[in-house]
Amino acid sequence: MEPVYRPVIGAVMTLFKVLGWQVRVTGSEHVPAVGPGVIATNHIGYLDFVFVGYGVRPRGRLVRFLAKQEIFEHPVAGPMMRSMKHIPVDRFGRAQQALTDTVAALRRGELIGMFPEGTISRSFVPARGKPGAARMAMEAGAPLIPGAVWGSQRLLTKGRPRNFQRNVIITVDYGPPIPYTPGDDPAEVNKRLMGVIESMVDRASRDYPQQPAGPDDRWWLPAHLGGAAPTVAQTETMAAAESAERRERRRQQRPGRQPGRS
């Protein structure tokens, strides 16, 4: 029984219809119809999990996503996330707990969704991914399925105002599972995974059927395709600064810390 997840899917499909969003999915046959699996994709917008989850509908599956702990602490989003059996990740605390919870879910036959980059890429080019997805899949003996989502950055992404315009096309592609053996190094498996994701994203961005409406609309195109998005180097600098700011904010919020003392 999924008393929350399935009504949410119904609401999402209604939103797609009202706004005329076209979600074009390829490769869903690579997602297992039953049993465990880890879907790992690029991350370019806040709605990526919606489209990646929507894409597995032909397989009759629901995806449990890993999401940052802060979302679960929200008074409205938190209860919904827990009801849909998504998994919290404390990026500054007990990260190991997310690994334990995810492996347990995989062993129960769940389908897990992850963004190995850990955060939205402002350049819209996949950043260096962390090996968590590979490690979790390998520990549970589950298929590791690469994916690419494109077009979602036009709607709601980091550093840009929300833009729920009509008739936007979003593409979601899944690829064959990444091969690995039990004795492989998760870091090496992760390199193979991210290499495939990068290739899939590059193809999706080049084949995308819509173009910017004008010069001011080129912000959602990567720099290497002539767009106005930040370069990979600029994105890495911004990401490092944001990470340091989050750590400092977290440190300031630690219980028992006295003002004026570090």
C-alpha atoms as a PDB file:
ATOM      1  CA  MET A   1       0.000   0.000   0.000  1.00  0.00           C
ATOM      2  CA  GLU A   2       1.261   3.467  -0.934  1.00  0.00           C
ATOM      3  CA  PRO A   3      -1.343   5.890   0.492  1.00  0.00           C
ATOM      4  CA  VAL A   4       0.867   8.942  -0.144  1.00  0.00           C
ATOM      5  CA  TYR A   5       3.186   8.058  -3.029  1.00  0.00           C
ATOM      6  CA  ARG A   6       0.515   7.059  -5.555  1.00  0.00           C
ATOM      7  CA  PRO A   7      -1.682  10.157  -4.994  1.00  0.00           C
ATOM      8  CA  VAL A   8       1.465  12.278  -5.394  1.00  0.00           C
ATOM      9  CA  ILE A   9       2.132  10.574  -8.740  1.00  0.00           C
ATOM     10  CA  GLY A  10      -1.449  11.344  -9.785  1.00  0.00           C
ATOM     11  CA  ALA A  11      -0.972  15.013  -8.880  1.00  0.00           C
ATOM     12  CA  VAL A  12       2.305  15.137 -10.811  1.00  0.00           C
ATOM     13  CA  MET A  13       0.710  13.685 -13.926  1.00  0.00           C
ATOM     14  CA  THR A  14      -2.074  16.261 -13.701  1.00  0.00           C
ATOM     15  CA  LEU A  15       0.544  19.023 -13.445  1.00  0.00           C
ATOM     16  CA  PHE A  16       2.315  17.686 -16.543  1.00  0.00           C
ATOM     17  CA  LYS A  17      -0.948  17.750 -18.466  1.00  0.00           C
ATOM     18  CA  VAL A  18      -1.990  21.233 -17.326  1.00  0.00           C
ATOM     19  CA  LEU A  19       1.399  22.771 -18.168  1.00  0.00           C
ATOM     20  CA  GLY A  20       1.877  20.783 -21.351  1.00  0.00           C
ATOM     21  CA  TRP A  21       5.195  19.316 -20.195  1.00  0.00           C
ATOM     22  CA  GLN A  22       6.314  16.470 -22.438  1.00  0.00           C
ATOM     23  CA  VAL A  23       8.416  13.877 -20.625  1.00  0.00           C
ATOM     24  CA  ARG A  24      10.140  11.697 -23.207  1.00  0.00           C
ATOM     25  CA  VAL A  25      11.594   8.499 -21.783  1.00  0.00           C
ATOM     26  CA  THR A  26      13.993   6.025 -23.380  1.00  0.00           C
ATOM     27  CA  GLY A  27      15.677   2.921 -22.002  1.00  0.00           C
ATOM     28  CA  SER A  28      13.140   2.115 -19.285  1.00  0.00           C
ATOM     29  CA  GLU A  29      13.572  -1.550 -20.201  1.00  0.00           C
ATOM     30  CA  HIS A  30      16.938  -1.398 -18.411  1.00  0.00           C
ATOM     31  CA  VAL A  31      15.142  -0.825 -15.099  1.00  0.00           C
ATOM     32  CA  PRO A  32      14.285  -4.139 -13.388  1.00  0.00           C
ATOM     33  CA  ALA A  33      10.562  -4.844 -13.238  1.00  0.00           C
ATOM     34  CA  VAL A  34      11.075  -6.615  -9.913  1.00  0.00           C
ATOM     35  CA  GLY A  35      13.834  -6.737  -7.346  1.00  0.00           C
ATOM     36  CA  PRO A  36      16.470  -4.235  -6.295  1.00  0.00           C
ATOM     37  CA  GLY A  37      18.241  -1.650  -8.396  1.00  0.00           C
ATOM     38  CA  VAL A  38      20.112   1.630  -8.039  1.00  0.00           C
ATOM     39  CA  ILE A  39      19.343   4.359 -10.571  1.00  0.00           C
ATOM     40  CA  ALA A  40      22.122   6.969 -10.676  1.00  0.00           C
ATOM     41  CA  THR A  41      21.676  10.087 -12.816  1.00  0.00           C
ATOM     42  CA  ASN A  42      23.036  13.576 -13.316  1.00  0.00           C
ATOM     43  CA  HIS A  43      21.538  16.418 -11.278  1.00  0.00           C
ATOM     44  CA  ILE A  44      20.582  19.706 -12.966  1.00  0.00           C
ATOM     45  CA  GLY A  45      17.334  20.791 -11.296  1.00  0.00           C
ATOM     46  CA  TYR A  46      15.251  20.484  -8.158  1.00  0.00           C
ATOM     47  CA  LEU A  47      12.594  18.471 -10.006  1.00  0.00           C
ATOM     48  CA  ASP A  48      14.965  15.806 -11.329  1.00  0.00           C
ATOM     49  CA  PHE A  49      13.645  13.230  -8.865  1.00  0.00           C
ATOM     50  CA  VAL A  50      10.123  13.814 -10.196  1.00  0.00           C
ATOM     51  CA  PHE A  51      11.105  13.090 -13.789  1.00  0.00           C
ATOM     52  CA  VAL A  52      13.470  10.210 -12.991  1.00  0.00           C
ATOM     53  CA  GLY A  53      10.747   8.609 -10.879  1.00  0.00           C
ATOM     54  CA  TYR A  54       8.140   9.223 -13.568  1.00  0.00           C
ATOM     55  CA  GLY A  55      10.336   7.507 -16.145  1.00  0.00           C
ATOM     56  CA  VAL A  56      10.103   4.081 -14.486  1.00  0.00           C
ATOM     57  CA  ARG A  57       6.304   3.975 -14.623  1.00  0.00           C
ATOM     58  CA  PRO A  58       6.318   1.536 -17.586  1.00  0.00           C
ATOM     59  CA  ARG A  59       8.070  -0.938 -15.266  1.00  0.00           C
ATOM     60  CA  GLY A  60       5.436  -0.538 -12.558  1.00  0.00           C
ATOM     61  CA  ARG A  61       8.019   0.626 -10.017  1.00  0.00           C
ATOM     62  CA  LEU A  62       8.292   3.309  -7.351  1.00  0.00           C
ATOM     63  CA  VAL A  63      11.696   4.881  -6.702  1.00  0.00           C
ATOM     64  CA  ARG A  64      12.931   5.637  -3.174  1.00  0.00           C
ATOM     65  CA  PHE A  65      15.304   8.574  -3.401  1.00  0.00           C
ATOM     66  CA  LEU A  66      18.153   9.570  -1.139  1.00  0.00           C
ATOM     67  CA  ALA A  67      17.693  13.198  -0.107  1.00  0.00           C
ATOM     68  CA  LYS A  68      19.425  15.573   2.258  1.00  0.00           C
ATOM     69  CA  GLN A  69      18.379  15.481   5.904  1.00  0.00           C
ATOM     70  CA  GLU A  70      17.225  19.113   5.824  1.00  0.00           C
ATOM     71  CA  ILE A  71      14.243  18.194   3.637  1.00  0.00           C
ATOM     72  CA  PHE A  72      13.094  15.635   6.185  1.00  0.00           C
ATOM     73  CA  GLU A  73      13.218  18.318   8.881  1.00  0.00           C
ATOM     74  CA  HIS A  74      10.744  20.517   6.987  1.00  0.00           C
ATOM     75  CA  PRO A  75       7.301  20.497   8.695  1.00  0.00           C
ATOM     76  CA  VAL A  76       5.423  19.778   5.447  1.00  0.00           C
ATOM     77  CA  ALA A  77       7.906  18.032   3.166  1.00  0.00           C
ATOM     78  CA  GLY A  78       9.381  15.891   5.956  1.00  0.00           C
ATOM     79  CA  PRO A  79       6.265  13.799   6.725  1.00  0.00           C
ATOM     80  CA  MET A  80       5.616  13.344   2.998  1.00  0.00           C
ATOM     81  CA  MET A  81       9.179  12.171   2.349  1.00  0.00           C
ATOM     82  CA  ARG A  82       8.978   9.652   5.177  1.00  0.00           C
ATOM     83  CA  SER A  83       5.555   8.427   4.017  1.00  0.00           C
ATOM     84  CA  MET A  84       6.982   7.799   0.540  1.00  0.00           C
ATOM     85  CA  LYS A  85       9.872   5.861   2.156  1.00  0.00           C
ATOM     86  CA  HIS A  86      12.616   8.093   0.824  1.00  0.00           C
ATOM     87  CA  ILE A  87      15.913   7.925   2.678  1.00  0.00           C
ATOM     88  CA  PRO A  88      17.553  10.863   4.526  1.00  0.00           C
ATOM     89  CA  VAL A  89      21.250  11.627   4.157  1.00  0.00           C
ATOM     90  CA  ASP A  90      22.961  13.645   6.880  1.00  0.00           C
ATOM     91  CA  ARG A  91      25.832  15.158   4.893  1.00  0.00           C
ATOM     92  CA  PHE A  92      27.474  16.574   8.012  1.00  0.00           C
ATOM     93  CA  GLY A  93      26.749  13.848  10.516  1.00  0.00           C
ATOM     94  CA  ARG A  94      25.886  10.158  10.345  1.00  0.00           C
ATOM     95  CA  ALA A  95      26.325   9.605   6.607  1.00  0.00           C
ATOM     96  CA  GLN A  96      26.994   5.915   7.290  1.00  0.00           C
ATOM     97  CA  GLN A  97      23.382   5.552   8.405  1.00  0.00           C
ATOM     98  CA  ALA A  98      22.176   6.355   4.882  1.00  0.00           C
ATOM     99  CA  LEU A  99      24.404   3.593   3.504  1.00  0.00           C
ATOM    100  CA  THR A 100      23.003   1.111   6.027  1.00  0.00           C
ATOM    101  CA  ASP A 101      19.389   2.130   5.373  1.00  0.00           C
ATOM    102  CA  THR A 102      19.827   2.047   1.587  1.00  0.00           C
ATOM    103  CA  VAL A 103      21.435  -1.399   1.533  1.00  0.00           C
ATOM    104  CA  ALA A 104      18.629  -2.698   3.758  1.00  0.00           C
ATOM    105  CA  ALA A 105      16.037  -1.243   1.350  1.00  0.00           C
ATOM    106  CA  LEU A 106      17.793  -2.815  -1.630  1.00  0.00           C
ATOM    107  CA  ARG A 107      17.810  -6.181   0.087  1.00  0.00           C
ATOM    108  CA  ARG A 108      14.050  -5.799   0.521  1.00  0.00           C
ATOM    109  CA  GLY A 109      13.818  -5.415  -3.266  1.00  0.00           C
ATOM    110  CA  GLU A 110      13.399  -1.636  -3.442  1.00  0.00           C
ATOM    111  CA  LEU A 111      14.428   0.559  -6.362  1.00  0.00           C
ATOM    112  CA  ILE A 112      16.704   3.361  -5.169  1.00  0.00           C
ATOM    113  CA  GLY A 113      17.334   6.696  -6.902  1.00  0.00           C
ATOM    114  CA  MET A 114      20.542   8.639  -6.356  1.00  0.00           C
ATOM    115  CA  PHE A 115      22.415  11.679  -7.658  1.00  0.00           C
ATOM    116  CA  PRO A 116      26.116  10.767  -7.292  1.00  0.00           C
ATOM    117  CA  GLU A 117      27.199  14.391  -7.713  1.00  0.00           C
ATOM    118  CA  GLY A 118      25.498  15.170  -4.409  1.00  0.00           C
ATOM    119  CA  THR A 119      24.299  18.591  -5.547  1.00  0.00           C
ATOM    120  CA  ILE A 120      22.957  20.389  -8.611  1.00  0.00           C
ATOM    121  CA  SER A 121      25.582  21.189 -11.230  1.00  0.00           C
ATOM    122  CA  ARG A 122      25.308  24.855 -12.188  1.00  0.00           C
ATOM    123  CA  SER A 123      27.288  24.150 -15.370  1.00  0.00           C
ATOM    124  CA  PHE A 124      24.751  21.442 -16.317  1.00  0.00           C
ATOM    125  CA  VAL A 125      27.749  19.188 -16.988  1.00  0.00           C
ATOM    126  CA  PRO A 126      28.114  16.184 -14.638  1.00  0.00           C
ATOM    127  CA  ALA A 127      30.577  16.870 -11.842  1.00  0.00           C
ATOM    128  CA  ARG A 128      32.878  14.316 -10.273  1.00  0.00           C
ATOM    129  CA  GLY A 129      30.538  11.847  -8.571  1.00  0.00           C
ATOM    130  CA  LYS A 130      30.957  10.239  -5.186  1.00  0.00           C
ATOM    131  CA  PRO A 131      31.168   6.400  -5.078  1.00  0.00           C
ATOM    132  CA  GLY A 132      28.161   5.937  -2.807  1.00  0.00           C
ATOM    133  CA  ALA A 133      25.847   4.661  -5.550  1.00  0.00           C
ATOM    134  CA  ALA A 134      28.387   2.069  -6.686  1.00  0.00           C
ATOM    135  CA  ARG A 135      29.170   1.022  -3.124  1.00  0.00           C
ATOM    136  CA  MET A 136      25.501   0.558  -2.205  1.00  0.00           C
ATOM    137  CA  ALA A 137      24.674  -1.394  -5.347  1.00  0.00           C
ATOM    138  CA  MET A 138      27.708  -3.642  -4.919  1.00  0.00           C
ATOM    139  CA  GLU A 139      27.050  -4.333  -1.257  1.00  0.00           C
ATOM    140  CA  ALA A 140      23.488  -5.394  -2.045  1.00  0.00           C
ATOM    141  CA  GLY A 141      24.346  -7.145  -5.322  1.00  0.00           C
ATOM    142  CA  ALA A 142      21.926  -4.870  -7.175  1.00  0.00           C
ATOM    143  CA  PRO A 143      22.033  -3.580 -10.777  1.00  0.00           C
ATOM    144  CA  LEU A 144      23.620  -0.127 -11.095  1.00  0.00           C
ATOM    145  CA  ILE A 145      21.636   1.726 -13.761  1.00  0.00           C
ATOM    146  CA  PRO A 146      22.990   4.978 -15.250  1.00  0.00           C
ATOM    147  CA  GLY A 147      20.621   7.697 -16.348  1.00  0.00           C
ATOM    148  CA  ALA A 148      20.422  11.205 -17.773  1.00  0.00           C
ATOM    149  CA  VAL A 149      17.769  13.870 -17.343  1.00  0.00           C
ATOM    150  CA  TRP A 150      17.693  17.003 -19.490  1.00  0.00           C
ATOM    151  CA  GLY A 151      15.423  20.043 -19.742  1.00  0.00           C
ATOM    152  CA  SER A 152      14.511  20.111 -16.059  1.00  0.00           C
ATOM    153  CA  GLN A 153      17.012  22.929 -15.456  1.00  0.00           C
ATOM    154  CA  ARG A 154      14.724  25.216 -17.443  1.00  0.00           C
ATOM    155  CA  LEU A 155      12.016  24.927 -14.779  1.00  0.00           C
ATOM    156  CA  LEU A 156      13.586  25.035 -11.346  1.00  0.00           C
ATOM    157  CA  THR A 157      17.303  25.007 -10.695  1.00  0.00           C
ATOM    158  CA  LYS A 158      19.903  26.498  -8.402  1.00  0.00           C
ATOM    159  CA  GLY A 159      20.423  30.243  -8.627  1.00  0.00           C
ATOM    160  CA  ARG A 160      17.509  30.896 -10.998  1.00  0.00           C
ATOM    161  CA  PRO A 161      13.894  32.002 -10.408  1.00  0.00           C
ATOM    162  CA  ARG A 162      11.264  29.308 -10.815  1.00  0.00           C
ATOM    163  CA  ASN A 163       9.936  29.135 -14.363  1.00  0.00           C
ATOM    164  CA  PHE A 164       6.925  26.881 -14.752  1.00  0.00           C
ATOM    165  CA  GLN A 165       6.443  27.730 -18.415  1.00  0.00           C
ATOM    166  CA  ARG A 166       4.253  25.651 -20.658  1.00  0.00           C
ATOM    167  CA  ASN A 167       5.228  23.120 -23.320  1.00  0.00           C
ATOM    168  CA  VAL A 168       8.709  22.334 -22.048  1.00  0.00           C
ATOM    169  CA  ILE A 169      10.226  19.003 -23.114  1.00  0.00           C
ATOM    170  CA  ILE A 170      12.089  16.969 -20.501  1.00  0.00           C
ATOM    171  CA  THR A 171      14.041  13.908 -21.571  1.00  0.00           C
ATOM    172  CA  VAL A 172      14.872  10.980 -19.301  1.00  0.00           C
ATOM    173  CA  ASP A 173      17.194   8.238 -20.528  1.00  0.00           C
ATOM    174  CA  TYR A 174      18.268   5.026 -18.779  1.00  0.00           C
ATOM    175  CA  GLY A 175      21.196   2.893 -19.874  1.00  0.00           C
ATOM    176  CA  PRO A 176      22.222  -0.744 -19.405  1.00  0.00           C
ATOM    177  CA  PRO A 177      23.502  -1.608 -15.914  1.00  0.00           C
ATOM    178  CA  ILE A 178      27.174  -0.858 -15.258  1.00  0.00           C
ATOM    179  CA  PRO A 179      29.091  -4.172 -15.145  1.00  0.00           C
ATOM    180  CA  TYR A 180      30.953  -4.998 -11.956  1.00  0.00           C
ATOM    181  CA  THR A 181      32.155  -8.005  -9.973  1.00  0.00           C
ATOM    182  CA  PRO A 182      32.056  -8.390  -6.174  1.00  0.00           C
ATOM    183  CA  GLY A 183      35.801  -7.847  -5.914  1.00  0.00           C
ATOM    184  CA  ASP A 184      35.888  -4.596  -7.881  1.00  0.00           C
ATOM    185  CA  ASP A 185      36.949  -1.327  -6.276  1.00  0.00           C
ATOM    186  CA  PRO A 186      33.819   0.871  -5.835  1.00  0.00           C
ATOM    187  CA  ALA A 187      35.878   3.904  -6.863  1.00  0.00           C
ATOM    188  CA  GLU A 188      36.666   2.279 -10.212  1.00  0.00           C
ATOM    189  CA  VAL A 189      33.043   1.242 -10.698  1.00  0.00           C
ATOM    190  CA  ASN A 190      32.052   4.818  -9.933  1.00  0.00           C
ATOM    191  CA  LYS A 191      34.436   6.077 -12.628  1.00  0.00           C
ATOM    192  CA  ARG A 192      32.760   3.803 -15.156  1.00  0.00           C
ATOM    193  CA  LEU A 193      29.342   4.947 -13.975  1.00  0.00           C
ATOM    194  CA  MET A 194      30.154   8.664 -14.210  1.00  0.00           C
ATOM    195  CA  GLY A 195      31.792   8.179 -17.613  1.00  0.00           C
ATOM    196  CA  VAL A 196      28.582   6.640 -18.954  1.00  0.00           C
ATOM    197  CA  ILE A 197      26.414   9.320 -17.315  1.00  0.00           C
ATOM    198  CA  GLU A 198      28.589  12.044 -18.830  1.00  0.00           C
ATOM    199  CA  SER A 199      28.235  10.503 -22.298  1.00  0.00           C
ATOM    200  CA  MET A 200      24.473  10.138 -21.887  1.00  0.00           C
ATOM    201  CA  VAL A 201      24.085  13.755 -20.745  1.00  0.00           C
ATOM    202  CA  ASP A 202      26.221  15.025 -23.615  1.00  0.00           C
ATOM    203  CA  ARG A 203      24.079  13.133 -26.105  1.00  0.00           C
ATOM    204  CA  ALA A 204      20.833  14.301 -24.458  1.00  0.00           C
ATOM    205  CA  SER A 205      21.925  17.947 -24.484  1.00  0.00           C
ATOM    206  CA  ARG A 206      23.020  17.821 -28.134  1.00  0.00           C
ATOM    207  CA  ASP A 207      19.867  16.008 -29.276  1.00  0.00           C
ATOM    208  CA  TYR A 208      17.457  18.127 -27.225  1.00  0.00           C
ATOM    209  CA  PRO A 209      14.665  19.222 -29.605  1.00  0.00           C
ATOM    210  CA  GLN A 210      14.065  22.727 -28.197  1.00  0.00           C
ATOM    211  CA  GLN A 211      16.307  25.791 -28.470  1.00  0.00           C
ATOM    212  CA  PRO A 212      16.597  28.989 -26.405  1.00  0.00           C
ATOM    213  CA  ALA A 213      13.975  31.605 -27.277  1.00  0.00           C
ATOM    214  CA  GLY A 214      16.664  34.278 -27.606  1.00  0.00           C
ATOM    215  CA  PRO A 215      19.986  35.529 -26.217  1.00  0.00           C
ATOM    216  CA  ASP A 216      18.556  36.026 -22.717  1.00  0.00           C
ATOM    217  CA  ASP A 217      17.310  32.430 -22.702  1.00  0.00           C
ATOM    218  CA  ARG A 218      20.699  30.817 -23.322  1.00  0.00           C
ATOM    219  CA  TRP A 219      21.420  30.475 -19.595  1.00  0.00           C
ATOM    220  CA  TRP A 220      20.224  26.849 -19.561  1.00  0.00           C
ATOM    221  CA  LEU A 221      22.687  25.727 -22.243  1.00  0.00           C
ATOM    222  CA  PRO A 222      26.167  24.538 -21.143  1.00  0.00           C
ATOM    223  CA  ALA A 223      29.062  26.820 -22.031  1.00  0.00           C
ATOM    224  CA  HIS A 224      30.651  24.226 -24.335  1.00  0.00           C
ATOM    225  CA  LEU A 225      27.468  24.261 -26.435  1.00  0.00           C
ATOM    226  CA  GLY A 226      27.514  28.040 -26.747  1.00  0.00           C
ATOM    227  CA  GLY A 227      25.262  28.667 -23.752  1.00  0.00           C
ATOM    228  CA  ALA A 228      25.560  31.162 -20.909  1.00  0.00           C
ATOM    229  CA  ALA A 229      25.737  28.647 -18.053  1.00  0.00           C
ATOM    230  CA  PRO A 230      28.833  28.867 -15.816  1.00  0.00           C
ATOM    231  CA  THR A 231      31.821  26.862 -16.975  1.00  0.00           C
ATOM    232  CA  VAL A 232      32.837  23.675 -15.173  1.00  0.00           C
ATOM    233  CA  ALA A 233      35.718  25.528 -13.471  1.00  0.00           C
ATOM    234  CA  GLN A 234      33.432  28.332 -12.303  1.00  0.00           C
ATOM    235  CA  THR A 235      30.937  25.801 -11.001  1.00  0.00           C
ATOM    236  CA  GLU A 236      33.597  23.975  -9.008  1.00  0.00           C
ATOM    237  CA  THR A 237      34.643  27.245  -7.360  1.00  0.00           C
ATOM    238  CA  MET A 238      31.042  28.096  -6.449  1.00  0.00           C
ATOM    239  CA  ALA A 239      30.384  24.582  -5.137  1.00  0.00           C
ATOM    240  CA  ALA A 240      33.464  24.700  -2.891  1.00  0.00           C
ATOM    241  CA  ALA A 241      32.377  28.043  -1.445  1.00  0.00           C
ATOM    242  CA  GLU A 242      28.831  26.787  -0.828  1.00  0.00           C
ATOM    243  CA  SER A 243      30.118  23.642   0.864  1.00  0.00           C
ATOM    244  CA  ALA A 244      32.342  25.672   3.191  1.00  0.00           C
ATOM    245  CA  GLU A 245      29.421  27.960   4.028  1.00  0.00           C
ATOM    246  CA  ARG A 246      27.181  24.996   4.858  1.00  0.00           C
ATOM    247  CA  ARG A 247      29.826  23.476   7.111  1.00  0.00           C
ATOM    248  CA  GLU A 248      30.270  26.751   8.962  1.00  0.00           C
ATOM    249  CA  ARG A 249      26.512  27.198   9.331  1.00  0.00           C
ATOM    250  CA  ARG A 250      26.238  23.657  10.658  1.00  0.00           C
ATOM    251  CA  ARG A 251      29.074  24.299  13.089  1.00  0.00           C
ATOM    252  CA  GLN A 252      27.363  27.442  14.347  1.00  0.00           C
ATOM    253  CA  GLN A 253      24.179  25.456  14.987  1.00  0.00           C
ATOM    254  CA  ARG A 254      25.809  22.734  17.076  1.00  0.00           C
ATOM    255  CA  PRO A 255      24.140  22.398  20.512  1.00  0.00           C
ATOM    256  CA  GLY A 256      26.118  23.792  23.408  1.00  0.00           C
ATOM    257  CA  ARG A 257      28.248  26.135  21.360  1.00  0.00           C
ATOM    258  CA  GLN A 258      28.855  29.383  23.240  1.00  0.00           C
ATOM    259  CA  PRO A 259      28.630  32.685  21.327  1.00  0.00           C
ATOM    260  CA  GLY A 260      31.994  34.201  20.544  1.00  0.00           C
ATOM    261  CA  ARG A 261      33.866  30.912  20.916  1.00  0.00           C
ATOM    262  CA  SER A 262      35.015  28.528  18.179  1.00  0.00           C
END
